[in-house]
Amino acid sequence: MRKAAVVLLLALFAGACSPASPPPAFDDARALADAATAATTSGGSAKFGTDVAVGSVRSKGQGQARFGAGGTSQVMTTDFIGEPMELRLVAGKLYAKVPEGSRDQVGAGKPWVAVAPDGTDPFSQVLGGSLGQLAAQNDPAHTLGEVRTAGTIVSAERTDLGGTPAEHYRVDLDLAKLGADLPAGLSTDAVGQLGGKFPVELWLDDAHRPLQIVLDLSPILAGSGAKITTRYTEWGGPVDVQAPPPDQVG
């Protein structure tokens, strides 16, 4: 009995003397965004997966990206329009692989088309803005820029994500401070009517590289749940990100 009491006492003493977990690194949104942006650039590359859920409509995508001082380039596949589609964003230009049955009408019979929000081709006029926004949401720098401009950290904790140690931040974005740089295709008119804030959650690894970013637009889209989740893995691993061959672009 006495031996058991001594063992228990030693265990309690060891627990009391063990070092506490350090607090999360950031309590300021600007410092958080600056550090995560720098870590993303130095990370060089990553694989990513996206999950977009708006009401009962859901789409998924996956891809790989290369990060650098000159911007982000990425290759991804998505079922955004109800069937698989490949997108490539390289050197600031967005390309979409046209479904085979539509190539004569859209891409002059060629498999790829350059997409732009202000493009005059039918593909750009219908999907240019949406696909551009989809590509932007895959880029951590886009959301981190919004956090830097309009964010306030409301909570922070050390946790893990799928077994990986992580810092988890909840940030409120003030829509009024974002100006024209609005998330997920929201228009300035809609924001003027809705107003308010919406939450963003970020999980960062020990090097401050993003592991997961969740944008929850539900508070400002009344009556419709809306959430965009992007996960990042294999930081620094090899990626293959190239523009389509010029002779294949219509």
Protein backbone atom coordinates (compact mmCIF):
# COMPACT_ATOMS: atom_id res chain seq x y z
CA MET A 1 0.00 0.00 0.00
CA ARG A 2 2.79 2.37 0.97
CA LYS A 3 4.70 1.51 -2.22
CA ALA A 4 1.64 2.27 -4.37
CA ALA A 5 1.22 5.64 -2.67
CA VAL A 6 4.85 6.54 -3.36
CA VAL A 7 4.50 5.59 -7.05
CA LEU A 8 1.35 7.72 -7.34
CA LEU A 9 3.05 10.67 -5.67
CA LEU A 10 6.02 10.44 -8.03
CA ALA A 11 3.71 10.28 -11.04
CA LEU A 12 1.82 13.37 -9.90
CA PHE A 13 5.08 15.21 -9.26
CA ALA A 14 6.44 14.30 -12.70
CA GLY A 15 3.23 15.52 -14.34
CA ALA A 16 3.34 18.79 -12.47
CA CYS A 17 6.95 19.40 -13.46
CA SER A 18 6.59 18.48 -17.13
CA PRO A 19 6.95 21.48 -19.43
CA ALA A 20 3.69 23.01 -20.65
CA SER A 21 2.98 23.19 -24.37
CA PRO A 22 4.10 26.52 -25.81
CA PRO A 23 1.29 28.84 -26.79
CA PRO A 24 0.40 29.33 -30.46
CA ALA A 25 2.89 31.53 -32.27
CA PHE A 26 0.55 34.38 -33.27
CA ASP A 27 -2.08 36.58 -31.66
CA ASP A 28 -2.15 39.14 -34.49
CA ALA A 29 -3.75 38.39 -37.87
CA ARG A 30 -1.23 40.41 -39.88
CA ALA A 31 1.74 38.62 -38.31
CA LEU A 32 0.01 35.27 -38.86
CA ALA A 33 -0.64 36.04 -42.54
CA ASP A 34 2.88 37.35 -43.17
CA ALA A 35 4.53 34.29 -41.60
CA ALA A 36 2.28 31.78 -43.38
CA THR A 37 2.74 33.55 -46.73
CA ALA A 38 6.53 33.47 -46.35
CA ALA A 39 6.39 29.80 -45.32
CA THR A 40 4.21 28.97 -48.34
CA THR A 41 6.70 30.59 -50.70
CA SER A 42 9.70 28.89 -49.09
CA GLY A 43 7.81 25.59 -49.04
CA GLY A 44 8.06 25.60 -52.82
CA SER A 45 5.37 23.07 -53.69
CA ALA A 46 2.50 20.99 -52.31
CA LYS A 47 -0.34 18.68 -53.25
CA PHE A 48 -3.87 19.88 -52.43
CA GLY A 49 -7.47 18.71 -52.30
CA THR A 50 -10.59 20.87 -52.30
CA ASP A 51 -14.14 20.31 -51.13
CA VAL A 52 -16.76 22.94 -52.03
CA ALA A 53 -20.20 22.50 -50.45
CA VAL A 54 -23.03 24.97 -51.11
CA GLY A 55 -26.36 23.76 -49.84
CA SER A 56 -26.90 20.30 -51.33
CA VAL A 57 -24.42 20.91 -54.17
CA ARG A 58 -20.91 19.58 -53.64
CA SER A 59 -17.80 19.45 -55.81
CA LYS A 60 -14.33 18.10 -55.19
CA GLY A 61 -10.94 18.67 -56.74
CA GLN A 62 -7.34 17.68 -56.35
CA GLY A 63 -4.08 18.93 -57.73
CA GLN A 64 -0.55 20.12 -57.21
CA ALA A 65 0.95 23.58 -56.98
CA ARG A 66 4.27 25.37 -57.19
CA PHE A 67 4.76 28.48 -55.05
CA GLY A 68 7.27 31.26 -55.53
CA ALA A 69 7.89 34.98 -55.37
CA GLY A 70 6.40 35.31 -58.86
CA GLY A 71 3.08 33.78 -57.81
CA THR A 72 1.41 30.38 -57.72
CA SER A 73 1.11 27.90 -60.58
CA GLN A 74 -1.14 24.88 -60.29
CA VAL A 75 -2.67 21.91 -62.07
CA MET A 76 -5.93 20.47 -60.82
CA THR A 77 -8.89 18.30 -61.79
CA THR A 78 -12.37 19.19 -60.56
CA ASP A 79 -15.96 18.13 -61.03
CA PHE A 80 -17.09 21.75 -60.68
CA ILE A 81 -19.37 21.57 -63.77
CA GLY A 82 -20.64 18.08 -63.01
CA GLU A 83 -17.99 16.18 -64.98
CA PRO A 84 -14.20 15.92 -64.63
CA MET A 85 -12.31 18.95 -65.91
CA GLU A 86 -8.61 19.77 -65.82
CA LEU A 87 -7.41 23.31 -65.09
CA ARG A 88 -3.90 24.70 -65.33
CA LEU A 89 -2.83 28.07 -63.97
CA VAL A 90 0.69 28.93 -65.14
CA ALA A 91 2.39 32.33 -65.24
CA GLY A 92 -0.88 34.05 -64.45
CA LYS A 93 -2.78 32.42 -67.33
CA LEU A 94 -5.64 29.98 -66.71
CA TYR A 95 -6.31 27.11 -69.12
CA ALA A 96 -9.20 24.63 -69.14
CA LYS A 97 -9.38 21.32 -70.94
CA VAL A 98 -12.53 21.41 -73.03
CA PRO A 99 -14.84 18.36 -72.94
CA GLU A 100 -14.33 16.46 -76.18
CA GLY A 101 -17.88 16.94 -77.42
CA SER A 102 -17.62 20.75 -77.13
CA ARG A 103 -14.23 21.39 -78.72
CA ASP A 104 -15.50 22.37 -82.16
CA GLN A 105 -17.77 25.03 -80.64
CA VAL A 106 -15.38 26.33 -77.98
CA GLY A 107 -11.75 25.62 -78.69
CA ALA A 108 -11.57 25.49 -82.49
CA GLY A 109 -11.29 21.72 -82.22
CA LYS A 110 -8.32 21.91 -79.85
CA PRO A 111 -8.29 20.31 -76.39
CA TRP A 112 -7.43 23.43 -74.38
CA VAL A 113 -8.78 26.97 -74.16
CA ALA A 114 -7.38 30.02 -72.37
CA VAL A 115 -9.96 31.24 -69.84
CA ALA A 116 -10.38 34.82 -68.62
CA PRO A 117 -13.20 36.60 -66.75
CA ASP A 118 -13.35 39.19 -69.55
CA GLY A 119 -12.73 36.74 -72.39
CA THR A 120 -14.95 36.89 -75.48
CA ASP A 121 -15.00 33.15 -76.21
CA PRO A 122 -18.12 31.23 -75.11
CA PHE A 123 -16.25 29.21 -72.48
CA SER A 124 -14.89 32.33 -70.74
CA GLN A 125 -18.21 34.13 -70.93
CA VAL A 126 -20.00 31.28 -69.15
CA LEU A 127 -17.36 29.98 -66.74
CA GLY A 128 -14.43 32.41 -66.79
CA GLY A 129 -15.20 34.16 -63.51
CA SER A 130 -16.16 30.99 -61.63
CA LEU A 131 -13.11 29.01 -62.73
CA GLY A 132 -10.81 31.92 -61.95
CA GLN A 133 -12.26 32.16 -58.45
CA LEU A 134 -11.92 28.40 -57.99
CA ALA A 135 -8.24 28.55 -58.88
CA ALA A 136 -7.70 31.51 -56.56
CA GLN A 137 -9.22 29.65 -53.61
CA ASN A 138 -6.61 26.89 -54.03
CA ASP A 139 -3.84 29.43 -53.51
CA PRO A 140 -3.08 29.98 -49.79
CA ALA A 141 -1.73 33.45 -50.61
CA HIS A 142 -5.21 34.57 -51.67
CA THR A 143 -6.88 33.76 -48.36
CA LEU A 144 -3.85 34.87 -46.36
CA GLY A 145 -4.01 38.23 -48.13
CA GLU A 146 -7.62 38.58 -46.98
CA VAL A 147 -6.59 37.65 -43.43
CA ARG A 148 -3.85 40.29 -43.52
CA THR A 149 -6.25 42.99 -44.74
CA ALA A 150 -9.41 42.26 -42.80
CA GLY A 151 -8.76 39.55 -40.22
CA THR A 152 -9.01 39.38 -36.45
CA ILE A 153 -7.88 36.26 -34.58
CA VAL A 154 -10.67 35.11 -32.27
CA SER A 155 -9.04 31.92 -30.96
CA ALA A 156 -5.83 29.92 -31.28
CA GLU A 157 -4.76 26.53 -30.02
CA ARG A 158 -2.18 23.83 -30.45
CA THR A 159 -3.70 20.61 -31.77
CA ASP A 160 -3.10 18.04 -34.48
CA LEU A 161 -4.65 17.47 -37.88
CA GLY A 162 -4.74 13.88 -39.02
CA GLY A 163 -1.87 13.06 -36.68
CA THR A 164 0.27 16.06 -37.69
CA PRO A 165 1.03 18.65 -35.00
CA ALA A 166 -0.68 21.91 -35.93
CA GLU A 167 -1.61 25.38 -34.78
CA HIS A 168 -5.33 26.01 -35.29
CA TYR A 169 -6.50 29.61 -35.74
CA ARG A 170 -10.04 30.92 -36.02
CA VAL A 171 -10.16 34.30 -37.75
CA ASP A 172 -13.06 36.65 -38.45
CA LEU A 173 -12.87 38.53 -41.77
CA ASP A 174 -14.55 41.93 -41.90
CA LEU A 175 -16.18 42.11 -45.33
CA ALA A 176 -16.27 45.91 -45.25
CA LYS A 177 -12.45 45.99 -45.18
CA LEU A 178 -11.95 43.70 -48.16
CA GLY A 179 -13.15 46.14 -50.81
CA ALA A 180 -13.38 44.39 -54.17
CA ASP A 181 -11.23 41.43 -53.03
CA LEU A 182 -14.13 39.25 -51.94
CA PRO A 183 -14.09 35.49 -51.38
CA ALA A 184 -15.80 32.80 -53.42
CA GLY A 185 -17.28 35.05 -56.07
CA LEU A 186 -19.31 37.29 -53.76
CA SER A 187 -20.26 40.56 -55.43
CA THR A 188 -19.84 43.96 -53.81
CA ASP A 189 -23.60 44.50 -54.19
CA ALA A 190 -24.35 41.30 -52.30
CA VAL A 191 -21.92 42.20 -49.56
CA GLY A 192 -23.49 45.65 -49.27
CA GLN A 193 -26.82 43.98 -48.62
CA LEU A 194 -25.49 41.27 -46.30
CA GLY A 195 -22.73 43.07 -44.43
CA GLY A 196 -21.01 41.55 -41.42
CA LYS A 197 -18.18 39.09 -41.02
CA PHE A 198 -17.47 35.48 -41.82
CA PRO A 199 -15.11 32.97 -40.21
CA VAL A 200 -11.96 31.43 -41.62
CA GLU A 201 -10.10 28.58 -39.97
CA LEU A 202 -6.42 27.86 -40.61
CA TRP A 203 -4.27 24.95 -39.54
CA LEU A 204 -0.50 25.52 -39.86
CA ASP A 205 2.34 23.04 -39.39
CA ASP A 206 5.43 23.70 -37.28
CA ALA A 207 7.00 25.64 -40.16
CA HIS A 208 3.82 27.80 -40.47
CA ARG A 209 2.89 26.19 -43.81
CA PRO A 210 -0.86 25.73 -44.33
CA LEU A 211 -2.22 22.24 -43.69
CA GLN A 212 -5.88 23.17 -44.09
CA ILE A 213 -7.95 26.30 -44.74
CA VAL A 214 -11.72 26.40 -44.28
CA LEU A 215 -13.89 29.32 -45.44
CA ASP A 216 -17.37 29.24 -43.96
CA LEU A 217 -19.68 31.53 -45.92
CA SER A 218 -22.85 30.30 -44.22
CA PRO A 219 -23.26 33.40 -41.99
CA ILE A 220 -23.52 35.70 -45.00
CA LEU A 221 -25.47 33.42 -47.34
CA ALA A 222 -28.77 33.28 -45.51
CA GLY A 223 -30.55 29.95 -45.71
CA SER A 224 -27.68 28.14 -47.43
CA GLY A 225 -24.75 26.35 -45.85
CA ALA A 226 -21.59 27.15 -47.79
CA LYS A 227 -18.11 25.95 -46.95
CA ILE A 228 -14.84 25.68 -48.89
CA THR A 229 -12.18 23.34 -47.47
CA THR A 230 -8.68 23.10 -48.94
CA ARG A 231 -6.07 20.66 -47.60
CA TYR A 232 -2.35 20.76 -48.33
CA THR A 233 0.08 17.83 -48.13
CA GLU A 234 3.55 16.75 -49.27
CA TRP A 235 5.14 20.17 -48.85
CA GLY A 236 8.38 20.46 -50.81
CA GLY A 237 7.73 17.30 -52.83
CA PRO A 238 8.06 17.00 -56.60
CA VAL A 239 5.25 18.45 -58.75
CA ASP A 240 4.62 18.64 -62.48
CA VAL A 241 3.03 22.01 -63.32
CA GLN A 242 3.25 23.11 -66.95
CA ALA A 243 1.16 25.09 -69.40
CA PRO A 244 -0.46 23.12 -72.23
CA PRO A 245 1.55 23.01 -75.47
CA PRO A 246 0.72 26.18 -77.47
CA ASP A 247 -0.45 24.21 -80.49
CA GLN A 248 -3.12 22.53 -78.34
CA VAL A 249 -4.70 25.78 -77.14
CA GLY A 250 -7.65 27.09 -79.15
